[in-house]
Amino acid sequence: MEKRLIGRACWQVRSAACAPFVFARIFVEPVIGRAVAFKDACMQAAHEQGVHEHGAELFSRAVQANIGMGFGVLAFGVAIGALLAVALASMASATHSIEAVAAQRHSALSTGAMKRTHCRQPSTPTCPTRKLTPLALSR
């Protein structure tokens, strides 16, 4: 069940990653474009003064803006979706185990399957003289 929940969460995040990609493409990419243009202008001024650049770009700016940003948003979304799915699955399994114990106790109490036990000590707040315990839980 947990694997299915995590898989479904990752699949849904993949389809939901389109909205952040569009947002980043519209609003973030122009800011990055201005920063790259500023860097290129600084490198051009440094090159005119005799400083050489010793690196070539592995990916073009267009590839970085489209494929790189899309893959980054998708990978981040899937990672966060899987993390939240694991947290949800662990909380659900803990909750179901608590609910199962409570349901077992409730069913034992509601069926009237009770037995009376006597404490060996006198009646105290922690050990009353007549304590009721469910038969299903005392076996």
N, C-alpha and C. Protein backbone atom coordinates (compact mmCIF):
# COMPACT_ATOMS: atom_id res chain seq x y z
N MET A 1 0.82 -1.19 0.00
CA MET A 1 0.00 0.00 0.00
C MET A 1 0.87 1.26 0.00
N GLU A 2 1.95 1.24 0.79
CA GLU A 2 2.78 2.42 0.87
C GLU A 2 3.48 2.70 -0.46
N LYS A 3 3.95 1.63 -1.13
CA LYS A 3 4.61 1.82 -2.42
C LYS A 3 3.65 2.41 -3.44
N ARG A 4 2.41 1.95 -3.40
CA ARG A 4 1.41 2.47 -4.33
C ARG A 4 1.12 3.94 -4.06
N LEU A 5 1.05 4.30 -2.77
CA LEU A 5 0.79 5.68 -2.40
C LEU A 5 1.94 6.59 -2.86
N ILE A 6 3.16 6.15 -2.64
CA ILE A 6 4.33 6.94 -3.05
C ILE A 6 4.38 7.05 -4.57
N GLY A 7 4.11 5.96 -5.27
CA GLY A 7 4.11 5.99 -6.73
C GLY A 7 3.04 6.92 -7.29
N ARG A 8 1.86 6.88 -6.69
CA ARG A 8 0.79 7.78 -7.15
C ARG A 8 1.13 9.23 -6.89
N ALA A 9 1.75 9.49 -5.75
CA ALA A 9 2.13 10.88 -5.43
C ALA A 9 3.17 11.38 -6.43
N CYS A 10 4.16 10.54 -6.75
CA CYS A 10 5.19 10.95 -7.72
C CYS A 10 4.58 11.18 -9.10
N TRP A 11 3.64 10.33 -9.49
CA TRP A 11 3.00 10.49 -10.80
C TRP A 11 2.18 11.78 -10.85
N GLN A 12 1.46 12.08 -9.79
CA GLN A 12 0.65 13.29 -9.77
C GLN A 12 1.52 14.54 -9.75
N VAL A 13 2.65 14.47 -9.08
CA VAL A 13 3.55 15.62 -9.06
C VAL A 13 4.13 15.86 -10.44
N ARG A 14 4.39 14.79 -11.19
CA ARG A 14 4.89 14.96 -12.55
C ARG A 14 3.92 15.76 -13.40
N SER A 15 2.65 15.46 -13.27
CA SER A 15 1.67 16.21 -14.06
C SER A 15 1.46 17.61 -13.50
N ALA A 16 1.64 17.78 -12.20
CA ALA A 16 1.46 19.10 -11.59
C ALA A 16 2.68 19.99 -11.75
N ALA A 17 3.79 19.47 -12.24
CA ALA A 17 5.01 20.27 -12.39
C ALA A 17 4.91 21.26 -13.55
N CYS A 18 3.88 21.16 -14.36
CA CYS A 18 3.74 22.09 -15.49
C CYS A 18 3.50 23.52 -15.02
N ALA A 19 2.72 23.70 -13.98
CA ALA A 19 2.42 25.06 -13.50
C ALA A 19 3.67 25.77 -12.99
N PRO A 20 4.51 25.16 -12.14
CA PRO A 20 5.72 25.86 -11.72
C PRO A 20 6.69 26.11 -12.88
N PHE A 21 6.72 25.19 -13.85
CA PHE A 21 7.59 25.41 -15.00
C PHE A 21 7.15 26.63 -15.79
N VAL A 22 5.85 26.75 -16.02
CA VAL A 22 5.34 27.91 -16.76
C VAL A 22 5.60 29.19 -15.98
N PHE A 23 5.39 29.16 -14.67
CA PHE A 23 5.67 30.33 -13.84
C PHE A 23 7.14 30.72 -13.94
N ALA A 24 8.02 29.74 -13.80
CA ALA A 24 9.46 30.03 -13.87
C ALA A 24 9.86 30.52 -15.25
N ARG A 25 9.27 29.95 -16.27
CA ARG A 25 9.60 30.38 -17.64
C ARG A 25 9.16 31.81 -17.90
N ILE A 26 8.02 32.20 -17.35
CA ILE A 26 7.50 33.54 -17.61
C ILE A 26 8.15 34.59 -16.70
N PHE A 27 8.29 34.31 -15.41
CA PHE A 27 8.72 35.33 -14.47
C PHE A 27 10.19 35.24 -14.06
N VAL A 28 10.75 34.05 -13.98
CA VAL A 28 12.12 33.91 -13.49
C VAL A 28 13.13 34.01 -14.62
N GLU A 29 12.82 33.46 -15.77
CA GLU A 29 13.78 33.42 -16.87
C GLU A 29 14.22 34.81 -17.34
N PRO A 30 13.35 35.82 -17.40
CA PRO A 30 13.84 37.15 -17.77
C PRO A 30 14.88 37.70 -16.80
N VAL A 31 14.72 37.44 -15.53
CA VAL A 31 15.69 37.90 -14.54
C VAL A 31 17.03 37.19 -14.75
N ILE A 32 16.97 35.88 -14.99
CA ILE A 32 18.19 35.12 -15.24
C ILE A 32 18.84 35.60 -16.55
N GLY A 33 18.03 35.90 -17.54
CA GLY A 33 18.55 36.41 -18.81
C GLY A 33 19.30 37.72 -18.63
N ARG A 34 18.75 38.62 -17.80
CA ARG A 34 19.46 39.88 -17.53
C ARG A 34 20.77 39.63 -16.79
N ALA A 35 20.78 38.68 -15.87
CA ALA A 35 22.00 38.37 -15.14
C ALA A 35 23.06 37.78 -16.07
N VAL A 36 22.65 36.92 -17.00
CA VAL A 36 23.59 36.34 -17.95
C VAL A 36 24.11 37.43 -18.89
N ALA A 37 23.26 38.35 -19.31
CA ALA A 37 23.70 39.45 -20.16
C ALA A 37 24.72 40.33 -19.43
N PHE A 38 24.50 40.59 -18.15
CA PHE A 38 25.45 41.36 -17.35
C PHE A 38 26.79 40.63 -17.25
N LYS A 39 26.74 39.32 -17.02
CA LYS A 39 27.96 38.53 -16.93
C LYS A 39 28.71 38.55 -18.26
N ASP A 40 27.97 38.42 -19.36
CA ASP A 40 28.61 38.46 -20.68
C ASP A 40 29.26 39.81 -20.94
N ALA A 41 28.60 40.90 -20.51
CA ALA A 41 29.18 42.23 -20.68
C ALA A 41 30.45 42.38 -19.85
N CYS A 42 30.44 41.85 -18.64
CA CYS A 42 31.65 41.90 -17.80
C CYS A 42 32.77 41.08 -18.41
N MET A 43 32.45 39.91 -18.95
CA MET A 43 33.47 39.07 -19.58
C MET A 43 34.01 39.73 -20.83
N GLN A 44 33.14 40.41 -21.58
CA GLN A 44 33.59 41.12 -22.77
C GLN A 44 34.55 42.25 -22.40
N ALA A 45 34.22 42.99 -21.33
CA ALA A 45 35.11 44.07 -20.88
C ALA A 45 36.43 43.50 -20.37
N ALA A 46 36.40 42.38 -19.69
CA ALA A 46 37.63 41.75 -19.20
C ALA A 46 38.45 41.22 -20.38
N HIS A 47 37.78 40.70 -21.40
CA HIS A 47 38.48 40.18 -22.57
C HIS A 47 39.19 41.31 -23.32
N GLU A 48 38.58 42.48 -23.36
CA GLU A 48 39.21 43.62 -24.02
C GLU A 48 40.46 44.07 -23.28
N GLN A 49 40.53 43.78 -21.98
CA GLN A 49 41.70 44.16 -21.20
C GLN A 49 42.77 43.08 -21.21
N GLY A 50 42.52 41.98 -21.88
CA GLY A 50 43.54 40.95 -22.01
C GLY A 50 43.29 39.71 -21.16
N VAL A 51 42.19 39.65 -20.42
CA VAL A 51 41.88 38.46 -19.62
C VAL A 51 41.18 37.45 -20.52
N HIS A 52 41.64 36.19 -20.47
CA HIS A 52 41.06 35.16 -21.31
C HIS A 52 40.15 34.25 -20.49
N GLU A 53 39.07 33.84 -21.12
CA GLU A 53 38.16 32.88 -20.48
C GLU A 53 38.61 31.48 -20.89
N HIS A 54 38.74 30.60 -19.92
CA HIS A 54 39.26 29.26 -20.20
C HIS A 54 38.20 28.19 -20.10
N GLY A 55 36.96 28.53 -20.30
CA GLY A 55 35.91 27.52 -20.21
C GLY A 55 34.91 27.69 -21.33
N ALA A 56 34.41 26.59 -21.81
CA ALA A 56 33.37 26.62 -22.82
C ALA A 56 32.08 26.12 -22.18
N GLU A 57 30.96 26.67 -22.62
CA GLU A 57 29.67 26.24 -22.07
C GLU A 57 29.34 24.84 -22.56
N LEU A 58 28.95 24.00 -21.62
CA LEU A 58 28.56 22.64 -21.97
C LEU A 58 27.17 22.63 -22.61
N PHE A 59 26.27 23.45 -22.08
CA PHE A 59 24.91 23.56 -22.61
C PHE A 59 24.66 25.01 -22.98
N SER A 60 23.93 25.22 -24.07
CA SER A 60 23.62 26.58 -24.49
C SER A 60 22.59 27.18 -23.53
N ARG A 61 22.42 28.46 -23.62
CA ARG A 61 21.47 29.16 -22.76
C ARG A 61 20.04 28.71 -23.03
N ALA A 62 19.72 28.43 -24.28
CA ALA A 62 18.37 27.97 -24.62
C ALA A 62 18.09 26.59 -24.00
N VAL A 63 19.07 25.70 -24.02
CA VAL A 63 18.89 24.39 -23.42
C VAL A 63 18.74 24.52 -21.90
N GLN A 64 19.53 25.40 -21.29
CA GLN A 64 19.42 25.62 -19.85
C GLN A 64 18.04 26.18 -19.48
N ALA A 65 17.55 27.11 -20.29
CA ALA A 65 16.28 27.77 -19.97
C ALA A 65 15.08 26.84 -20.16
N ASN A 66 15.13 25.95 -21.13
CA ASN A 66 13.98 25.09 -21.41
C ASN A 66 14.09 23.72 -20.76
N ILE A 67 15.04 22.94 -21.19
CA ILE A 67 15.16 21.57 -20.70
C ILE A 67 15.67 21.55 -19.27
N GLY A 68 16.68 22.35 -18.98
CA GLY A 68 17.25 22.36 -17.64
C GLY A 68 16.26 22.80 -16.58
N MET A 69 15.54 23.88 -16.86
CA MET A 69 14.56 24.35 -15.89
C MET A 69 13.41 23.36 -15.74
N GLY A 70 12.96 22.79 -16.84
CA GLY A 70 11.88 21.81 -16.77
C GLY A 70 12.28 20.58 -15.98
N PHE A 71 13.49 20.07 -16.24
CA PHE A 71 13.95 18.90 -15.51
C PHE A 71 14.17 19.23 -14.03
N GLY A 72 14.69 20.41 -13.75
CA GLY A 72 14.91 20.80 -12.35
C GLY A 72 13.61 20.91 -11.57
N VAL A 73 12.61 21.53 -12.16
CA VAL A 73 11.31 21.66 -11.50
C VAL A 73 10.67 20.29 -11.32
N LEU A 74 10.78 19.44 -12.33
CA LEU A 74 10.20 18.09 -12.25
C LEU A 74 10.90 17.26 -11.17
N ALA A 75 12.23 17.28 -11.15
CA ALA A 75 12.97 16.49 -10.16
C ALA A 75 12.68 16.97 -8.74
N PHE A 76 12.65 18.28 -8.55
CA PHE A 76 12.36 18.82 -7.23
C PHE A 76 10.94 18.46 -6.79
N GLY A 77 9.98 18.57 -7.69
CA GLY A 77 8.60 18.23 -7.37
C GLY A 77 8.42 16.76 -7.03
N VAL A 78 9.07 15.89 -7.77
CA VAL A 78 8.97 14.45 -7.49
C VAL A 78 9.61 14.13 -6.15
N ALA A 79 10.75 14.75 -5.85
CA ALA A 79 11.41 14.51 -4.56
C ALA A 79 10.55 14.96 -3.40
N ILE A 80 9.99 16.15 -3.49
CA ILE A 80 9.13 16.65 -2.41
C ILE A 80 7.85 15.82 -2.32
N GLY A 81 7.27 15.44 -3.47
CA GLY A 81 6.08 14.60 -3.45
C GLY A 81 6.33 13.25 -2.80
N ALA A 82 7.48 12.64 -3.11
CA ALA A 82 7.82 11.36 -2.49
C ALA A 82 8.05 11.52 -0.99
N LEU A 83 8.70 12.60 -0.59
CA LEU A 83 8.93 12.85 0.83
C LEU A 83 7.61 13.02 1.58
N LEU A 84 6.70 13.78 1.03
CA LEU A 84 5.41 13.97 1.68
C LEU A 84 4.58 12.68 1.67
N ALA A 85 4.71 11.87 0.61
CA ALA A 85 3.98 10.60 0.56
C ALA A 85 4.50 9.64 1.62
N VAL A 86 5.82 9.63 1.84
CA VAL A 86 6.38 8.77 2.87
C VAL A 86 5.90 9.22 4.25
N ALA A 87 5.89 10.53 4.47
CA ALA A 87 5.39 11.05 5.75
C ALA A 87 3.91 10.70 5.94
N LEU A 88 3.13 10.83 4.89
CA LEU A 88 1.71 10.50 4.97
C LEU A 88 1.51 9.01 5.23
N ALA A 89 2.29 8.17 4.56
CA ALA A 89 2.16 6.73 4.75
C ALA A 89 2.54 6.32 6.16
N SER A 90 3.58 6.92 6.71
CA SER A 90 3.98 6.57 8.07
C SER A 90 2.94 7.06 9.08
N MET A 91 2.39 8.23 8.85
CA MET A 91 1.34 8.73 9.74
C MET A 91 0.09 7.87 9.62
N ALA A 92 -0.24 7.45 8.42
CA ALA A 92 -1.43 6.62 8.22
C ALA A 92 -1.26 5.26 8.87
N SER A 93 -0.07 4.67 8.76
CA SER A 93 0.12 3.36 9.38
C SER A 93 0.08 3.47 10.90
N ALA A 94 0.63 4.55 11.44
CA ALA A 94 0.56 4.75 12.89
C ALA A 94 -0.87 5.00 13.34
N THR A 95 -1.60 5.78 12.58
CA THR A 95 -2.98 6.08 12.91
C THR A 95 -3.85 4.83 12.81
N HIS A 96 -3.62 4.02 11.78
CA HIS A 96 -4.42 2.80 11.63
C HIS A 96 -4.14 1.82 12.75
N SER A 97 -2.90 1.73 13.22
CA SER A 97 -2.63 0.81 14.31
C SER A 97 -3.28 1.30 15.60
N ILE A 98 -3.29 2.59 15.82
CA ILE A 98 -3.96 3.15 16.99
C ILE A 98 -5.47 2.94 16.88
N GLU A 99 -6.01 3.18 15.68
CA GLU A 99 -7.44 2.98 15.47
C GLU A 99 -7.83 1.52 15.62
N ALA A 100 -6.95 0.60 15.20
CA ALA A 100 -7.26 -0.83 15.34
C ALA A 100 -7.33 -1.24 16.80
N VAL A 101 -6.41 -0.76 17.62
CA VAL A 101 -6.43 -1.07 19.05
C VAL A 101 -7.68 -0.47 19.69
N ALA A 102 -8.00 0.78 19.32
CA ALA A 102 -9.19 1.41 19.88
C ALA A 102 -10.45 0.68 19.45
N ALA A 103 -10.50 0.23 18.20
CA ALA A 103 -11.67 -0.51 17.73
C ALA A 103 -11.80 -1.85 18.45
N GLN A 104 -10.67 -2.50 18.70
CA GLN A 104 -10.71 -3.77 19.42
C GLN A 104 -11.22 -3.58 20.85
N ARG A 105 -10.74 -2.53 21.48
CA ARG A 105 -11.21 -2.25 22.84
C ARG A 105 -12.69 -1.86 22.84
N HIS A 106 -13.09 -1.06 21.86
CA HIS A 106 -14.48 -0.63 21.78
C HIS A 106 -15.40 -1.83 21.53
N SER A 107 -14.97 -2.74 20.66
CA SER A 107 -15.82 -3.90 20.38
C SER A 107 -15.93 -4.80 21.61
N ALA A 108 -14.85 -4.93 22.36
CA ALA A 108 -14.90 -5.75 23.57
C ALA A 108 -15.80 -5.10 24.62
N LEU A 109 -15.75 -3.79 24.72
CA LEU A 109 -16.59 -3.09 25.69
C LEU A 109 -18.06 -3.10 25.27
N SER A 110 -18.32 -2.95 23.98
CA SER A 110 -19.71 -2.86 23.53
C SER A 110 -20.41 -4.21 23.54
N THR A 111 -19.69 -5.32 23.42
CA THR A 111 -20.34 -6.63 23.45
C THR A 111 -20.62 -7.08 24.87
N GLY A 112 -20.09 -6.39 25.85
CA GLY A 112 -20.33 -6.76 27.23
C GLY A 112 -19.43 -7.89 27.71
N ALA A 113 -18.41 -8.18 26.95
CA ALA A 113 -17.48 -9.25 27.35
C ALA A 113 -16.52 -8.69 28.38
N MET A 114 -16.98 -8.60 29.59
CA MET A 114 -16.17 -8.04 30.66
C MET A 114 -16.08 -9.05 31.78
N LYS A 115 -15.00 -9.05 32.47
CA LYS A 115 -14.89 -9.87 33.67
C LYS A 115 -14.42 -8.99 34.81
N ARG A 116 -14.75 -9.36 35.96
CA ARG A 116 -14.37 -8.58 37.12
C ARG A 116 -13.14 -9.20 37.76
N THR A 117 -12.20 -8.36 38.09
CA THR A 117 -11.01 -8.83 38.78
C THR A 117 -10.87 -8.07 40.08
N HIS A 118 -10.26 -8.68 41.03
CA HIS A 118 -10.05 -8.04 42.33
C HIS A 118 -8.58 -7.76 42.51
N CYS A 119 -8.28 -6.58 43.03
CA CYS A 119 -6.90 -6.24 43.36
C CYS A 119 -6.60 -6.78 44.75
N ARG A 120 -5.37 -7.04 44.97
CA ARG A 120 -4.97 -7.52 46.28
C ARG A 120 -4.77 -6.37 47.26
N GLN A 121 -4.64 -5.19 46.72
CA GLN A 121 -4.45 -4.02 47.57
C GLN A 121 -5.80 -3.37 47.85
N PRO A 122 -5.85 -2.55 48.89
CA PRO A 122 -7.09 -1.81 49.11
C PRO A 122 -7.33 -0.82 47.98
N SER A 123 -8.52 -0.29 47.94
CA SER A 123 -8.89 0.61 46.86
C SER A 123 -8.04 1.87 46.89
N THR A 124 -7.33 2.12 45.80
CA THR A 124 -6.51 3.33 45.63
C THR A 124 -6.85 3.92 44.28
N PRO A 125 -6.43 5.17 44.03
CA PRO A 125 -6.73 5.74 42.71
C PRO A 125 -6.10 4.96 41.57
N THR A 126 -4.96 4.32 41.82
CA THR A 126 -4.31 3.57 40.74
C THR A 126 -4.76 2.13 40.67
N CYS A 127 -5.31 1.61 41.73
CA CYS A 127 -5.73 0.20 41.74
C CYS A 127 -7.07 0.10 42.47
N PRO A 128 -8.17 0.27 41.80
CA PRO A 128 -9.47 0.17 42.47
C PRO A 128 -9.76 -1.27 42.85
N THR A 129 -10.64 -1.45 43.79
CA THR A 129 -10.97 -2.78 44.27
C THR A 129 -11.59 -3.63 43.18
N ARG A 130 -12.48 -3.05 42.42
CA ARG A 130 -13.11 -3.79 41.35
C ARG A 130 -12.74 -3.14 40.03
N LYS A 131 -11.87 -3.75 39.29
CA LYS A 131 -11.41 -3.20 38.01
C LYS A 131 -12.00 -4.03 36.88
N LEU A 132 -12.56 -3.37 35.88
CA LEU A 132 -13.15 -4.07 34.74
C LEU A 132 -12.11 -4.15 33.63
N THR A 133 -11.92 -5.33 33.07
CA THR A 133 -11.01 -5.49 31.92
C THR A 133 -11.75 -6.28 30.85
N PRO A 134 -11.56 -5.96 29.61
CA PRO A 134 -12.19 -6.72 28.53
C PRO A 134 -11.61 -8.13 28.45
N LEU A 135 -12.47 -9.10 28.18
CA LEU A 135 -12.00 -10.48 28.05
C LEU A 135 -11.07 -10.65 26.85
N ALA A 136 -11.37 -9.95 25.75
CA ALA A 136 -10.56 -10.12 24.56
C ALA A 136 -9.14 -9.64 24.77
N LEU A 137 -8.94 -8.64 25.62
CA LEU A 137 -7.60 -8.11 25.84
C LEU A 137 -6.88 -8.81 26.97
N SER A 138 -7.59 -9.56 27.84
CA SER A 138 -6.94 -10.18 28.98
C SER A 138 -6.43 -11.58 28.66
N ARG A 139 -6.79 -12.13 27.53
CA ARG A 139 -6.35 -13.48 27.16
C ARG A 139 -4.96 -13.51 26.66
